[in-house]
């Protein structure tokens, strides 16, 4: 079921961003970039290799949607949205809210519960290791 839901969500997201003429991977990056982010963090959010983010940054810069800046540490490159990128990010977020209907039948409480469960799947809490002394018989 998770795979089916993921496929439906992906298709719904793609349909919502299609009118903007921007590839899905760039739209996802725009949504990650609410604030300037280190490129390594973007890679983590997109679940891709950090070297892949360089190409994404190039494409966003070519479109005038983002720019690279130096972080507080000279070795860290940050990616930040331009004004145009921020406008497009807002438009895409609104379109997803309006048009991505794969979970529209859930009420607010169900969406909150699902968000919490998905968060646990994406970042499970660290389990303490149990020794044989911890087990009850």
N, C-alpha and C. Protein backbone atom coordinates (compact mmCIF):
# COMPACT_ATOMS: atom_id res chain seq x y z
N UNK A 1 0.82 -1.19 0.00
CA UNK A 1 0.00 0.00 0.00
C UNK A 1 0.87 1.26 0.00
N UNK A 2 1.99 1.22 0.71
CA UNK A 2 2.86 2.40 0.74
C UNK A 2 3.35 2.74 -0.66
N UNK A 3 3.73 1.73 -1.42
CA UNK A 3 4.22 1.97 -2.78
C UNK A 3 3.11 2.57 -3.64
N UNK A 4 1.90 2.04 -3.51
CA UNK A 4 0.77 2.56 -4.29
C UNK A 4 0.48 4.01 -3.93
N UNK A 5 0.47 4.32 -2.63
CA UNK A 5 0.23 5.70 -2.19
C UNK A 5 1.35 6.61 -2.70
N UNK A 6 2.59 6.13 -2.63
CA UNK A 6 3.72 6.94 -3.11
C UNK A 6 3.58 7.22 -4.61
N UNK A 7 3.17 6.23 -5.37
CA UNK A 7 2.99 6.43 -6.81
C UNK A 7 1.86 7.42 -7.09
N UNK A 8 0.77 7.33 -6.32
CA UNK A 8 -0.33 8.27 -6.50
C UNK A 8 0.10 9.69 -6.12
N UNK A 9 0.86 9.81 -5.04
CA UNK A 9 1.33 11.12 -4.61
C UNK A 9 2.28 11.71 -5.64
N UNK A 10 3.16 10.89 -6.19
CA UNK A 10 4.10 11.36 -7.21
C UNK A 10 3.35 11.85 -8.46
N UNK A 11 2.36 11.08 -8.89
CA UNK A 11 1.59 11.46 -10.07
C UNK A 11 0.80 12.75 -9.80
N UNK A 12 0.24 12.86 -8.61
CA UNK A 12 -0.53 14.05 -8.25
C UNK A 12 0.38 15.28 -8.20
N UNK A 13 1.57 15.12 -7.64
CA UNK A 13 2.55 16.21 -7.57
C UNK A 13 2.95 16.63 -8.98
N UNK A 14 3.25 15.66 -9.82
CA UNK A 14 3.64 15.96 -11.21
C UNK A 14 2.55 16.71 -11.96
N UNK A 15 1.30 16.31 -11.77
CA UNK A 15 0.19 16.99 -12.43
C UNK A 15 0.03 18.42 -11.90
N UNK A 16 0.28 18.62 -10.61
CA UNK A 16 0.12 19.95 -10.02
C UNK A 16 1.20 20.92 -10.51
N UNK A 17 2.43 20.42 -10.75
CA UNK A 17 3.51 21.33 -11.16
C UNK A 17 3.66 21.44 -12.67
N UNK A 18 3.03 20.56 -13.43
CA UNK A 18 3.17 20.57 -14.89
C UNK A 18 2.85 21.93 -15.53
N UNK A 19 1.81 22.63 -15.10
CA UNK A 19 1.50 23.92 -15.75
C UNK A 19 2.60 24.97 -15.61
N UNK A 20 3.53 24.79 -14.69
CA UNK A 20 4.59 25.77 -14.48
C UNK A 20 5.78 25.55 -15.41
N UNK A 21 5.76 24.46 -16.16
CA UNK A 21 6.82 24.19 -17.13
C UNK A 21 8.17 23.94 -16.48
N UNK A 22 8.16 23.40 -15.29
CA UNK A 22 9.40 23.12 -14.57
C UNK A 22 9.44 21.63 -14.23
N UNK A 23 10.58 20.99 -14.41
CA UNK A 23 10.67 19.56 -14.08
C UNK A 23 10.37 19.30 -12.61
N UNK A 24 9.84 18.14 -12.33
CA UNK A 24 9.45 17.77 -10.98
C UNK A 24 10.62 17.90 -10.00
N UNK A 25 11.82 17.48 -10.40
CA UNK A 25 12.95 17.54 -9.46
C UNK A 25 13.30 18.98 -9.08
N UNK A 26 13.09 19.93 -10.00
CA UNK A 26 13.34 21.33 -9.67
C UNK A 26 12.23 21.89 -8.77
N UNK A 27 11.00 21.48 -9.03
CA UNK A 27 9.88 21.91 -8.18
C UNK A 27 10.08 21.41 -6.76
N UNK A 28 10.50 20.17 -6.61
CA UNK A 28 10.76 19.63 -5.26
C UNK A 28 11.85 20.42 -4.57
N UNK A 29 12.88 20.79 -5.31
CA UNK A 29 13.98 21.56 -4.73
C UNK A 29 13.51 22.93 -4.28
N UNK A 30 12.68 23.57 -5.09
CA UNK A 30 12.13 24.87 -4.69
C UNK A 30 11.38 24.78 -3.37
N UNK A 31 10.63 23.70 -3.19
CA UNK A 31 9.87 23.54 -1.96
C UNK A 31 10.79 23.31 -0.76
N UNK A 32 11.91 22.66 -0.97
CA UNK A 32 12.89 22.44 0.09
C UNK A 32 13.55 23.75 0.49
N UNK A 33 13.66 24.66 -0.46
CA UNK A 33 14.39 25.91 -0.26
C UNK A 33 13.54 27.04 0.30
N UNK A 34 12.85 26.82 1.38
CA UNK A 34 12.14 27.92 2.01
C UNK A 34 13.11 28.98 2.49
N UNK A 35 14.19 28.53 3.08
CA UNK A 35 15.28 29.40 3.54
C UNK A 35 16.54 28.93 2.83
N UNK A 36 17.58 29.76 2.79
CA UNK A 36 18.83 29.30 2.20
C UNK A 36 19.30 28.03 2.92
N UNK A 37 19.75 27.06 2.14
CA UNK A 37 20.15 25.76 2.69
C UNK A 37 21.51 25.36 2.16
N UNK A 38 22.30 24.69 3.00
CA UNK A 38 23.54 24.11 2.49
C UNK A 38 23.19 23.05 1.43
N UNK A 39 23.99 22.97 0.41
CA UNK A 39 23.70 22.03 -0.67
C UNK A 39 23.68 20.58 -0.16
N UNK A 40 24.48 20.26 0.84
CA UNK A 40 24.47 18.92 1.42
C UNK A 40 23.12 18.62 2.08
N UNK A 41 22.53 19.62 2.72
CA UNK A 41 21.20 19.45 3.34
C UNK A 41 20.14 19.20 2.25
N UNK A 42 20.25 19.92 1.16
CA UNK A 42 19.30 19.73 0.06
C UNK A 42 19.39 18.30 -0.46
N UNK A 43 20.60 17.80 -0.60
CA UNK A 43 20.79 16.42 -1.05
C UNK A 43 20.11 15.45 -0.08
N UNK A 44 20.24 15.70 1.20
CA UNK A 44 19.61 14.85 2.20
C UNK A 44 18.09 14.90 2.06
N UNK A 45 17.54 16.09 1.91
CA UNK A 45 16.09 16.26 1.77
C UNK A 45 15.55 15.59 0.50
N UNK A 46 16.33 15.64 -0.56
CA UNK A 46 15.91 15.06 -1.84
C UNK A 46 16.30 13.59 -1.96
N UNK A 47 17.01 13.07 -0.96
CA UNK A 47 17.49 11.69 -0.96
C UNK A 47 18.31 11.40 -2.21
N UNK A 48 19.28 12.28 -2.46
CA UNK A 48 20.15 12.08 -3.61
C UNK A 48 21.60 12.35 -3.21
N UNK A 49 22.50 11.99 -4.07
CA UNK A 49 23.92 12.23 -3.83
C UNK A 49 24.19 13.73 -3.88
N UNK A 50 25.05 14.25 -2.99
CA UNK A 50 25.34 15.69 -3.01
C UNK A 50 25.85 16.19 -4.36
N UNK A 51 26.55 15.35 -5.11
CA UNK A 51 27.05 15.79 -6.42
C UNK A 51 25.90 16.07 -7.38
N UNK A 52 24.77 15.44 -7.18
CA UNK A 52 23.59 15.66 -8.03
C UNK A 52 23.01 17.06 -7.81
N UNK A 53 23.15 17.58 -6.60
CA UNK A 53 22.61 18.89 -6.27
C UNK A 53 23.32 19.98 -7.06
N UNK A 54 24.57 19.77 -7.43
CA UNK A 54 25.29 20.75 -8.23
C UNK A 54 24.56 20.99 -9.56
N UNK A 55 24.15 19.91 -10.20
CA UNK A 55 23.40 20.03 -11.46
C UNK A 55 22.05 20.70 -11.25
N UNK A 56 21.39 20.38 -10.15
CA UNK A 56 20.10 21.01 -9.84
C UNK A 56 20.31 22.50 -9.63
N UNK A 57 21.36 22.85 -8.87
CA UNK A 57 21.65 24.28 -8.62
C UNK A 57 21.94 24.99 -9.93
N UNK A 58 22.69 24.35 -10.82
CA UNK A 58 22.97 24.94 -12.13
C UNK A 58 21.68 25.25 -12.88
N UNK A 59 20.75 24.28 -12.88
CA UNK A 59 19.48 24.46 -13.60
C UNK A 59 18.64 25.58 -12.98
N UNK A 60 18.61 25.64 -11.65
CA UNK A 60 17.84 26.69 -10.99
C UNK A 60 18.45 28.06 -11.26
N UNK A 61 19.78 28.14 -11.27
CA UNK A 61 20.45 29.41 -11.56
C UNK A 61 20.20 29.83 -13.00
N UNK A 62 20.26 28.89 -13.94
CA UNK A 62 20.00 29.20 -15.36
C UNK A 62 18.60 29.78 -15.56
N UNK A 63 17.66 29.34 -14.74
CA UNK A 63 16.28 29.81 -14.84
C UNK A 63 16.04 31.07 -14.00
N UNK A 64 17.06 31.52 -13.28
CA UNK A 64 16.93 32.71 -12.45
C UNK A 64 16.13 32.48 -11.19
N UNK A 65 16.05 31.23 -10.73
CA UNK A 65 15.22 30.89 -9.58
C UNK A 65 16.00 30.78 -8.27
N UNK A 66 17.31 30.60 -8.37
CA UNK A 66 18.13 30.44 -7.16
C UNK A 66 19.54 30.93 -7.46
N UNK A 67 20.28 31.17 -6.38
CA UNK A 67 21.68 31.54 -6.52
C UNK A 67 22.47 30.86 -5.41
N UNK A 68 23.74 30.67 -5.68
CA UNK A 68 24.64 30.07 -4.70
C UNK A 68 25.30 31.20 -3.90
N UNK A 69 25.42 30.97 -2.62
CA UNK A 69 26.13 31.91 -1.76
C UNK A 69 27.04 31.11 -0.85
N UNK A 70 27.95 31.82 -0.24
CA UNK A 70 28.86 31.17 0.68
C UNK A 70 28.23 31.16 2.07
N UNK A 71 28.39 30.04 2.77
CA UNK A 71 27.90 29.97 4.14
C UNK A 71 28.89 30.63 5.08
N UNK A 72 28.62 30.53 6.37
CA UNK A 72 29.52 31.12 7.35
C UNK A 72 30.89 30.44 7.31
N UNK A 73 30.89 29.18 6.91
CA UNK A 73 32.12 28.43 6.67
C UNK A 73 32.37 28.49 5.16
N UNK A 74 33.52 28.99 4.75
CA UNK A 74 33.80 29.18 3.32
C UNK A 74 33.64 27.91 2.50
N UNK A 75 33.78 26.77 3.16
CA UNK A 75 33.68 25.49 2.43
C UNK A 75 32.24 25.10 2.13
N UNK A 76 31.29 25.73 2.79
CA UNK A 76 29.88 25.36 2.64
C UNK A 76 29.22 26.29 1.62
N UNK A 77 28.65 25.68 0.59
CA UNK A 77 27.89 26.43 -0.41
C UNK A 77 26.42 26.36 -0.05
N UNK A 78 25.80 27.52 -0.05
CA UNK A 78 24.38 27.62 0.25
C UNK A 78 23.62 27.88 -1.05
N UNK A 79 22.41 27.41 -1.11
CA UNK A 79 21.54 27.70 -2.24
C UNK A 79 20.35 28.48 -1.70
N UNK A 80 20.08 29.61 -2.31
CA UNK A 80 18.96 30.43 -1.85
C UNK A 80 18.11 30.85 -3.04
N UNK A 81 16.83 31.02 -2.76
CA UNK A 81 15.90 31.42 -3.80
C UNK A 81 16.06 32.89 -4.14
N UNK A 82 15.90 33.20 -5.41
CA UNK A 82 15.80 34.59 -5.84
C UNK A 82 14.35 35.03 -5.59
N UNK A 83 14.07 36.29 -5.82
CA UNK A 83 12.67 36.75 -5.69
C UNK A 83 11.76 35.97 -6.63
N UNK A 84 12.24 35.74 -7.85
CA UNK A 84 11.45 34.96 -8.83
C UNK A 84 11.25 33.53 -8.34
N UNK A 85 12.29 32.95 -7.77
CA UNK A 85 12.19 31.60 -7.23
C UNK A 85 11.21 31.52 -6.08
N UNK A 86 11.22 32.54 -5.24
CA UNK A 86 10.28 32.58 -4.10
C UNK A 86 8.85 32.67 -4.59
N UNK A 87 8.62 33.49 -5.62
CA UNK A 87 7.27 33.60 -6.20
C UNK A 87 6.80 32.27 -6.76
N UNK A 88 7.69 31.61 -7.50
CA UNK A 88 7.33 30.32 -8.10
C UNK A 88 7.10 29.28 -7.01
N UNK A 89 7.92 29.30 -5.97
CA UNK A 89 7.75 28.37 -4.86
C UNK A 89 6.36 28.52 -4.25
N UNK A 90 5.92 29.74 -4.04
CA UNK A 90 4.60 30.00 -3.47
C UNK A 90 3.51 29.50 -4.42
N UNK A 91 3.66 29.77 -5.71
CA UNK A 91 2.67 29.32 -6.69
C UNK A 91 2.58 27.79 -6.72
N UNK A 92 3.74 27.13 -6.68
CA UNK A 92 3.75 25.66 -6.70
C UNK A 92 3.11 25.11 -5.43
N UNK A 93 3.44 25.68 -4.28
CA UNK A 93 2.85 25.22 -3.02
C UNK A 93 1.33 25.38 -3.05
N UNK A 94 0.86 26.50 -3.58
CA UNK A 94 -0.59 26.72 -3.69
C UNK A 94 -1.23 25.72 -4.64
N UNK A 95 -0.57 25.45 -5.76
CA UNK A 95 -1.10 24.49 -6.73
C UNK A 95 -1.18 23.09 -6.13
N UNK A 96 -0.18 22.74 -5.36
CA UNK A 96 -0.20 21.41 -4.72
C UNK A 96 -1.36 21.34 -3.73
N UNK A 97 -1.55 22.39 -2.94
CA UNK A 97 -2.67 22.41 -2.00
C UNK A 97 -4.01 22.30 -2.73
N UNK A 98 -4.11 22.95 -3.87
CA UNK A 98 -5.36 22.97 -4.62
C UNK A 98 -5.58 21.71 -5.45
N UNK A 99 -4.52 21.22 -6.08
CA UNK A 99 -4.70 20.20 -7.11
C UNK A 99 -4.21 18.80 -6.73
N UNK A 100 -3.37 18.70 -5.74
CA UNK A 100 -2.87 17.37 -5.36
C UNK A 100 -3.92 16.72 -4.46
N UNK A 101 -4.83 16.02 -5.07
CA UNK A 101 -6.02 15.51 -4.38
C UNK A 101 -5.90 14.09 -3.85
N UNK A 102 -4.71 13.50 -3.88
CA UNK A 102 -4.62 12.09 -3.50
C UNK A 102 -5.02 11.85 -2.05
N UNK A 103 -4.95 12.85 -1.18
CA UNK A 103 -5.34 12.68 0.22
C UNK A 103 -6.46 13.65 0.61
N UNK A 104 -7.18 14.14 -0.38
CA UNK A 104 -8.20 15.17 -0.11
C UNK A 104 -9.37 14.64 0.72
N UNK A 105 -9.59 13.35 0.74
CA UNK A 105 -10.71 12.80 1.49
C UNK A 105 -10.39 12.64 2.98
N UNK A 106 -9.16 12.91 3.39
CA UNK A 106 -8.81 12.85 4.80
C UNK A 106 -9.16 14.17 5.48
N UNK A 107 -9.65 14.07 6.73
CA UNK A 107 -9.91 15.31 7.47
C UNK A 107 -8.61 15.79 8.11
N UNK A 108 -8.65 16.96 8.73
CA UNK A 108 -7.44 17.57 9.28
C UNK A 108 -6.75 16.67 10.31
N UNK A 109 -7.52 16.03 11.18
CA UNK A 109 -6.92 15.16 12.20
C UNK A 109 -6.25 13.95 11.55
N UNK A 110 -6.86 13.40 10.52
CA UNK A 110 -6.27 12.26 9.82
C UNK A 110 -4.99 12.67 9.11
N UNK A 111 -4.98 13.85 8.50
CA UNK A 111 -3.77 14.34 7.84
C UNK A 111 -2.65 14.55 8.84
N UNK A 112 -2.98 15.10 10.02
CA UNK A 112 -1.97 15.28 11.06
C UNK A 112 -1.41 13.94 11.52
N UNK A 113 -2.30 12.96 11.71
CA UNK A 113 -1.87 11.63 12.14
C UNK A 113 -0.97 11.00 11.07
N UNK A 114 -1.37 11.13 9.81
CA UNK A 114 -0.57 10.58 8.72
C UNK A 114 0.80 11.26 8.65
N UNK A 115 0.82 12.58 8.80
CA UNK A 115 2.08 13.33 8.79
C UNK A 115 3.01 12.81 9.89
N UNK A 116 2.47 12.58 11.07
CA UNK A 116 3.27 12.06 12.17
C UNK A 116 3.80 10.67 11.89
N UNK A 117 2.96 9.81 11.35
CA UNK A 117 3.38 8.44 11.03
C UNK A 117 4.44 8.44 9.92
N UNK A 118 4.23 9.25 8.90
CA UNK A 118 5.22 9.32 7.82
C UNK A 118 6.55 9.86 8.34
N UNK A 119 6.48 10.82 9.26
CA UNK A 119 7.70 11.34 9.88
C UNK A 119 8.45 10.25 10.61
N UNK A 120 7.72 9.38 11.29
CA UNK A 120 8.38 8.26 11.98
C UNK A 120 9.00 7.28 11.00
N UNK A 121 8.35 7.07 9.87
CA UNK A 121 8.92 6.18 8.86
C UNK A 121 10.19 6.77 8.25
N UNK A 122 10.19 8.08 8.05
CA UNK A 122 11.35 8.74 7.45
C UNK A 122 12.50 8.91 8.42
N UNK A 123 12.19 9.09 9.69
CA UNK A 123 13.23 9.31 10.69
C UNK A 123 12.86 8.55 11.96
N UNK A 124 13.04 7.23 11.95
CA UNK A 124 12.62 6.43 13.10
C UNK A 124 13.40 6.81 14.35
N UNK A 125 12.73 6.76 15.51
CA UNK A 125 13.45 7.04 16.76
C UNK A 125 14.49 5.96 16.98
N UNK A 126 15.58 6.36 17.59
CA UNK A 126 16.65 5.40 17.86
C UNK A 126 16.22 4.51 19.02
N UNK A 127 16.26 3.21 18.78
CA UNK A 127 15.88 2.27 19.82
C UNK A 127 17.08 1.95 20.68
N UNK A 128 16.86 1.91 21.96
CA UNK A 128 17.92 1.50 22.87
C UNK A 128 18.10 -0.01 22.73
N UNK A 129 19.31 -0.44 22.79
CA UNK A 129 19.55 -1.87 22.72
C UNK A 129 19.20 -2.49 24.06
N UNK A 130 18.54 -3.60 23.99
CA UNK A 130 18.12 -4.30 25.21
C UNK A 130 19.04 -5.47 25.48
N UNK A 131 19.39 -5.63 26.72
CA UNK A 131 20.19 -6.78 27.11
C UNK A 131 19.26 -7.85 27.63
N UNK A 132 19.77 -9.02 27.86
CA UNK A 132 18.93 -10.10 28.36
C UNK A 132 18.36 -9.77 29.74
N UNK A 133 19.00 -8.88 30.51
CA UNK A 133 18.50 -8.48 31.81
C UNK A 133 17.21 -7.68 31.66
N UNK A 134 17.02 -7.00 30.53
CA UNK A 134 15.86 -6.16 30.32
C UNK A 134 14.61 -6.96 30.00
N UNK A 135 14.78 -8.20 29.62
CA UNK A 135 13.65 -9.01 29.20
C UNK A 135 12.95 -9.61 30.42
N UNK A 136 11.65 -9.61 30.38
CA UNK A 136 10.90 -10.26 31.45
C UNK A 136 10.44 -11.60 30.95
N UNK A 137 10.33 -12.56 31.84
CA UNK A 137 9.89 -13.90 31.42
C UNK A 137 8.57 -14.24 32.02
